[in-house]
């Protein structure tokens, strides 16, 4: 996570190449191009994409799985699909609720880069953010660098937290 490439500019573009103006206080945009020219790769999809790209980079595609809508693991190796087709199918048939149902809850002390915050209580529209990095100060306070994609489909980016979430330490 800590070595993901970043773009030199902070401008966010949708999958339709439309500029998202003044919507976020973006401090960085991941330099990982969208795979599809449609409204896929929203927040949950982009998190699954990072997971899949990790497996691809490490030559572990035989261990790659993504979740269907009900949170069941669907393995790439059993799909008979190309990598791109497997991702397209997963993105089109799952969402934040799928990640919530398929994932497991961990304690705050266990959080590390690559872990997800899944906000979805009911199965409807929710949101997914990913821990990209973390640091800890001398007092043991932990600070997280969080990235996410959104709707309409766009690249994952890092947003500056509002003053409400800032720390005085």
C-alpha atoms as a PDB file:
ATOM      1  CA  UNK A   1       0.000   0.000   0.000  1.00  0.00           C
ATOM      2  CA  UNK A   2       2.687   2.472   0.974  1.00  0.00           C
ATOM      3  CA  UNK A   3       4.299   2.286  -2.481  1.00  0.00           C
ATOM      4  CA  UNK A   4       1.271   2.869  -4.696  1.00  0.00           C
ATOM      5  CA  UNK A   5       2.050   5.359  -7.480  1.00  0.00           C
ATOM      6  CA  UNK A   6       0.652   8.893  -7.185  1.00  0.00           C
ATOM      7  CA  UNK A   7      -0.166  11.328  -9.972  1.00  0.00           C
ATOM      8  CA  UNK A   8       1.701  14.636 -10.073  1.00  0.00           C
ATOM      9  CA  UNK A   9      -1.590  16.559 -10.287  1.00  0.00           C
ATOM     10  CA  UNK A  10      -4.476  16.414  -7.820  1.00  0.00           C
ATOM     11  CA  UNK A  11      -7.334  16.838 -10.293  1.00  0.00           C
ATOM     12  CA  UNK A  12     -10.030  14.171 -10.085  1.00  0.00           C
ATOM     13  CA  UNK A  13     -11.680  12.921 -13.272  1.00  0.00           C
ATOM     14  CA  UNK A  14     -14.721  10.687 -13.661  1.00  0.00           C
ATOM     15  CA  UNK A  15     -14.823   7.697 -15.986  1.00  0.00           C
ATOM     16  CA  UNK A  16     -16.401  10.071 -18.553  1.00  0.00           C
ATOM     17  CA  UNK A  17     -13.313  12.306 -18.278  1.00  0.00           C
ATOM     18  CA  UNK A  18     -15.303  15.007 -16.481  1.00  0.00           C
ATOM     19  CA  UNK A  19     -13.446  17.092 -13.916  1.00  0.00           C
ATOM     20  CA  UNK A  20     -14.779  16.856 -10.371  1.00  0.00           C
ATOM     21  CA  UNK A  21     -14.372  20.478  -9.345  1.00  0.00           C
ATOM     22  CA  UNK A  22     -14.094  21.551  -5.696  1.00  0.00           C
ATOM     23  CA  UNK A  23     -15.851  18.461  -4.414  1.00  0.00           C
ATOM     24  CA  UNK A  24     -12.974  17.269  -2.264  1.00  0.00           C
ATOM     25  CA  UNK A  25      -9.895  18.663  -0.576  1.00  0.00           C
ATOM     26  CA  UNK A  26      -7.780  16.136  -2.457  1.00  0.00           C
ATOM     27  CA  UNK A  27      -4.132  15.861  -1.440  1.00  0.00           C
ATOM     28  CA  UNK A  28      -3.185  13.059  -3.862  1.00  0.00           C
ATOM     29  CA  UNK A  29      -4.628  10.866  -6.625  1.00  0.00           C
ATOM     30  CA  UNK A  30      -3.439   7.310  -7.215  1.00  0.00           C
ATOM     31  CA  UNK A  31      -1.833   6.825 -10.609  1.00  0.00           C
ATOM     32  CA  UNK A  32      -3.716   3.631 -11.419  1.00  0.00           C
ATOM     33  CA  UNK A  33      -5.862   4.114 -14.536  1.00  0.00           C
ATOM     34  CA  UNK A  34      -9.496   3.058 -14.551  1.00  0.00           C
ATOM     35  CA  UNK A  35      -9.937  -0.233 -16.411  1.00  0.00           C
ATOM     36  CA  UNK A  36     -13.383   0.392 -17.828  1.00  0.00           C
ATOM     37  CA  UNK A  37     -15.145   3.204 -19.662  1.00  0.00           C
ATOM     38  CA  UNK A  38     -18.358   2.824 -17.734  1.00  0.00           C
ATOM     39  CA  UNK A  39     -19.538   3.528 -14.214  1.00  0.00           C
ATOM     40  CA  UNK A  40     -17.620   0.703 -12.575  1.00  0.00           C
ATOM     41  CA  UNK A  41     -14.746   1.154 -10.118  1.00  0.00           C
ATOM     42  CA  UNK A  42     -16.673   3.092  -7.543  1.00  0.00           C
ATOM     43  CA  UNK A  43     -15.545   2.880  -3.904  1.00  0.00           C
ATOM     44  CA  UNK A  44     -15.995  -0.859  -3.240  1.00  0.00           C
ATOM     45  CA  UNK A  45     -14.851  -1.770  -6.747  1.00  0.00           C
ATOM     46  CA  UNK A  46     -11.639   0.232  -6.492  1.00  0.00           C
ATOM     47  CA  UNK A  47     -10.843  -1.412  -3.153  1.00  0.00           C
ATOM     48  CA  UNK A  48     -11.339  -4.826  -4.792  1.00  0.00           C
ATOM     49  CA  UNK A  49      -9.210  -3.649  -7.706  1.00  0.00           C
ATOM     50  CA  UNK A  50      -6.292  -2.771  -5.400  1.00  0.00           C
ATOM     51  CA  UNK A  51      -6.641  -6.228  -3.785  1.00  0.00           C
ATOM     52  CA  UNK A  52      -6.650  -7.901  -7.210  1.00  0.00           C
ATOM     53  CA  UNK A  53      -3.680  -5.853  -8.474  1.00  0.00           C
ATOM     54  CA  UNK A  54      -1.724  -6.874  -5.364  1.00  0.00           C
ATOM     55  CA  UNK A  55      -2.362 -10.545  -6.149  1.00  0.00           C
ATOM     56  CA  UNK A  56      -1.419 -10.012  -9.785  1.00  0.00           C
ATOM     57  CA  UNK A  57       1.818  -8.204  -8.895  1.00  0.00           C
ATOM     58  CA  UNK A  58       2.807 -10.954  -6.425  1.00  0.00           C
ATOM     59  CA  UNK A  59       1.973 -13.765  -8.918  1.00  0.00           C
ATOM     60  CA  UNK A  60      -0.784 -15.009  -6.605  1.00  0.00           C
ATOM     61  CA  UNK A  61      -3.749 -14.928  -8.977  1.00  0.00           C
ATOM     62  CA  UNK A  62      -4.418 -18.559  -8.033  1.00  0.00           C
ATOM     63  CA  UNK A  63      -5.340 -17.236  -4.548  1.00  0.00           C
ATOM     64  CA  UNK A  64      -7.340 -14.209  -5.705  1.00  0.00           C
ATOM     65  CA  UNK A  65     -10.987 -14.087  -4.743  1.00  0.00           C
ATOM     66  CA  UNK A  66     -13.562 -11.333  -4.764  1.00  0.00           C
ATOM     67  CA  UNK A  67     -17.020 -11.372  -3.210  1.00  0.00           C
ATOM     68  CA  UNK A  68     -20.376 -11.797  -4.915  1.00  0.00           C
ATOM     69  CA  UNK A  69     -23.328  -9.721  -3.714  1.00  0.00           C
ATOM     70  CA  UNK A  70     -23.997 -12.089  -0.785  1.00  0.00           C
ATOM     71  CA  UNK A  71     -20.397 -11.987   0.442  1.00  0.00           C
ATOM     72  CA  UNK A  72     -19.426 -15.403  -0.944  1.00  0.00           C
ATOM     73  CA  UNK A  73     -15.867 -15.809  -2.196  1.00  0.00           C
ATOM     74  CA  UNK A  74     -15.545 -16.178  -5.955  1.00  0.00           C
ATOM     75  CA  UNK A  75     -12.080 -17.369  -6.968  1.00  0.00           C
ATOM     76  CA  UNK A  76     -10.450 -16.098 -10.142  1.00  0.00           C
ATOM     77  CA  UNK A  77      -8.862 -19.508 -10.761  1.00  0.00           C
ATOM     78  CA  UNK A  78     -12.300 -21.165 -10.864  1.00  0.00           C
ATOM     79  CA  UNK A  79     -13.990 -18.506 -12.992  1.00  0.00           C
ATOM     80  CA  UNK A  80     -12.684 -19.422 -16.444  1.00  0.00           C
ATOM     81  CA  UNK A  81     -12.577 -15.689 -17.180  1.00  0.00           C
ATOM     82  CA  UNK A  82      -9.757 -13.380 -18.173  1.00  0.00           C
ATOM     83  CA  UNK A  83      -8.452 -11.108 -15.411  1.00  0.00           C
ATOM     84  CA  UNK A  84     -10.283  -8.091 -16.829  1.00  0.00           C
ATOM     85  CA  UNK A  85     -13.548 -10.022 -17.317  1.00  0.00           C
ATOM     86  CA  UNK A  86     -13.335 -11.412 -13.783  1.00  0.00           C
ATOM     87  CA  UNK A  87     -12.968  -7.890 -12.382  1.00  0.00           C
ATOM     88  CA  UNK A  88     -15.787  -6.527 -14.552  1.00  0.00           C
ATOM     89  CA  UNK A  89     -18.145  -9.276 -13.381  1.00  0.00           C
ATOM     90  CA  UNK A  90     -17.217  -8.758  -9.725  1.00  0.00           C
ATOM     91  CA  UNK A  91     -17.576  -4.979  -9.920  1.00  0.00           C
ATOM     92  CA  UNK A  92     -20.958  -5.254 -11.644  1.00  0.00           C
ATOM     93  CA  UNK A  93     -22.390  -7.758  -9.159  1.00  0.00           C
ATOM     94  CA  UNK A  94     -21.108  -6.594  -5.774  1.00  0.00           C
ATOM     95  CA  UNK A  95     -20.886  -3.481  -3.610  1.00  0.00           C
ATOM     96  CA  UNK A  96     -19.958  -2.275  -0.133  1.00  0.00           C
ATOM     97  CA  UNK A  97     -22.513  -4.620   1.428  1.00  0.00           C
ATOM     98  CA  UNK A  98     -20.790  -7.562  -0.288  1.00  0.00           C
ATOM     99  CA  UNK A  99     -17.479  -6.571   1.317  1.00  0.00           C
ATOM    100  CA  UNK A 100     -19.163  -6.166   4.697  1.00  0.00           C
ATOM    101  CA  UNK A 101     -20.763  -9.617   4.477  1.00  0.00           C
ATOM    102  CA  UNK A 102     -17.647 -11.353   3.138  1.00  0.00           C
ATOM    103  CA  UNK A 103     -15.000  -9.576   5.161  1.00  0.00           C
ATOM    104  CA  UNK A 104     -14.241  -9.970   8.812  1.00  0.00           C
ATOM    105  CA  UNK A 105     -14.239  -7.414  11.587  1.00  0.00           C
ATOM    106  CA  UNK A 106     -10.899  -6.687  13.216  1.00  0.00           C
ATOM    107  CA  UNK A 107      -9.981  -4.591  16.232  1.00  0.00           C
ATOM    108  CA  UNK A 108      -8.650  -1.064  15.919  1.00  0.00           C
ATOM    109  CA  UNK A 109      -5.243  -2.256  17.133  1.00  0.00           C
ATOM    110  CA  UNK A 110      -5.074  -4.744  14.231  1.00  0.00           C
ATOM    111  CA  UNK A 111      -5.698  -2.130  11.521  1.00  0.00           C
ATOM    112  CA  UNK A 112      -2.953  -1.919   8.898  1.00  0.00           C
ATOM    113  CA  UNK A 113      -2.489  -0.711   5.312  1.00  0.00           C
ATOM    114  CA  UNK A 114      -4.854  -2.532   2.960  1.00  0.00           C
ATOM    115  CA  UNK A 115      -7.650  -2.859   5.505  1.00  0.00           C
ATOM    116  CA  UNK A 116     -11.049  -1.399   4.676  1.00  0.00           C
ATOM    117  CA  UNK A 117     -13.590   0.751   6.453  1.00  0.00           C
ATOM    118  CA  UNK A 118     -16.967  -0.451   5.181  1.00  0.00           C
ATOM    119  CA  UNK A 119     -19.929   1.780   5.935  1.00  0.00           C
ATOM    120  CA  UNK A 120     -23.080  -0.138   5.100  1.00  0.00           C
ATOM    121  CA  UNK A 121     -25.683  -1.251   7.598  1.00  0.00           C
ATOM    122  CA  UNK A 122     -28.628  -2.241   5.428  1.00  0.00           C
ATOM    123  CA  UNK A 123     -27.467  -3.567   2.075  1.00  0.00           C
ATOM    124  CA  UNK A 124     -28.265  -0.385   0.182  1.00  0.00           C
ATOM    125  CA  UNK A 125     -25.722   2.146  -0.961  1.00  0.00           C
ATOM    126  CA  UNK A 126     -22.765   2.430   1.390  1.00  0.00           C
ATOM    127  CA  UNK A 127     -19.145   3.504   1.230  1.00  0.00           C
ATOM    128  CA  UNK A 128     -15.705   1.874   1.387  1.00  0.00           C
ATOM    129  CA  UNK A 129     -12.405   3.531   2.286  1.00  0.00           C
ATOM    130  CA  UNK A 130      -8.990   1.876   2.395  1.00  0.00           C
ATOM    131  CA  UNK A 131      -6.064   2.412   4.753  1.00  0.00           C
ATOM    132  CA  UNK A 132      -3.091   3.309   2.568  1.00  0.00           C
ATOM    133  CA  UNK A 133      -0.598   4.019   5.344  1.00  0.00           C
ATOM    134  CA  UNK A 134      -0.394   4.595   9.075  1.00  0.00           C
ATOM    135  CA  UNK A 135       1.936   6.150  11.591  1.00  0.00           C
ATOM    136  CA  UNK A 136       2.140   6.183  15.346  1.00  0.00           C
ATOM    137  CA  UNK A 137       3.469   8.900  17.632  1.00  0.00           C
ATOM    138  CA  UNK A 138       5.397   8.467  20.890  1.00  0.00           C
ATOM    139  CA  UNK A 139       2.150   8.396  22.867  1.00  0.00           C
ATOM    140  CA  UNK A 140       0.855   5.457  20.848  1.00  0.00           C
ATOM    141  CA  UNK A 141      -1.719   7.531  18.960  1.00  0.00           C
ATOM    142  CA  UNK A 142      -2.238   6.101  15.477  1.00  0.00           C
ATOM    143  CA  UNK A 143      -2.872   8.180  12.374  1.00  0.00           C
ATOM    144  CA  UNK A 144      -4.183   6.779   9.115  1.00  0.00           C
ATOM    145  CA  UNK A 145      -3.833   7.841   5.505  1.00  0.00           C
ATOM    146  CA  UNK A 146      -7.154   6.927   3.910  1.00  0.00           C
ATOM    147  CA  UNK A 147      -7.992   6.586   0.221  1.00  0.00           C
ATOM    148  CA  UNK A 148     -11.255   6.000  -1.594  1.00  0.00           C
ATOM    149  CA  UNK A 149     -13.041   6.199  -4.897  1.00  0.00           C
ATOM    150  CA  UNK A 150     -16.609   7.412  -5.176  1.00  0.00           C
ATOM    151  CA  UNK A 151     -19.586   7.882  -7.508  1.00  0.00           C
ATOM    152  CA  UNK A 152     -19.515   8.339 -10.399  1.00  0.00           C
ATOM    153  CA  UNK A 153     -16.553   6.027 -10.976  1.00  0.00           C
ATOM    154  CA  UNK A 154     -13.233   7.805 -10.464  1.00  0.00           C
ATOM    155  CA  UNK A 155      -9.669   7.071  -9.436  1.00  0.00           C
ATOM    156  CA  UNK A 156      -8.856   6.405  -5.812  1.00  0.00           C
ATOM    157  CA  UNK A 157      -7.692   9.536  -4.044  1.00  0.00           C
ATOM    158  CA  UNK A 158      -6.605  10.753  -0.636  1.00  0.00           C
ATOM    159  CA  UNK A 159      -8.662  13.498   0.925  1.00  0.00           C
ATOM    160  CA  UNK A 160      -7.562  15.855   3.668  1.00  0.00           C
ATOM    161  CA  UNK A 161      -9.626  15.320   6.805  1.00  0.00           C
ATOM    162  CA  UNK A 162     -11.755  18.199   8.005  1.00  0.00           C
ATOM    163  CA  UNK A 163     -10.708  20.052  11.155  1.00  0.00           C
ATOM    164  CA  UNK A 164     -13.334  18.003  13.008  1.00  0.00           C
ATOM    165  CA  UNK A 165     -11.108  14.941  12.579  1.00  0.00           C
ATOM    166  CA  UNK A 166      -7.758  16.639  13.181  1.00  0.00           C
ATOM    167  CA  UNK A 167      -5.534  16.048  16.161  1.00  0.00           C
ATOM    168  CA  UNK A 168      -3.914  18.646  18.372  1.00  0.00           C
ATOM    169  CA  UNK A 169      -0.928  16.391  19.128  1.00  0.00           C
END
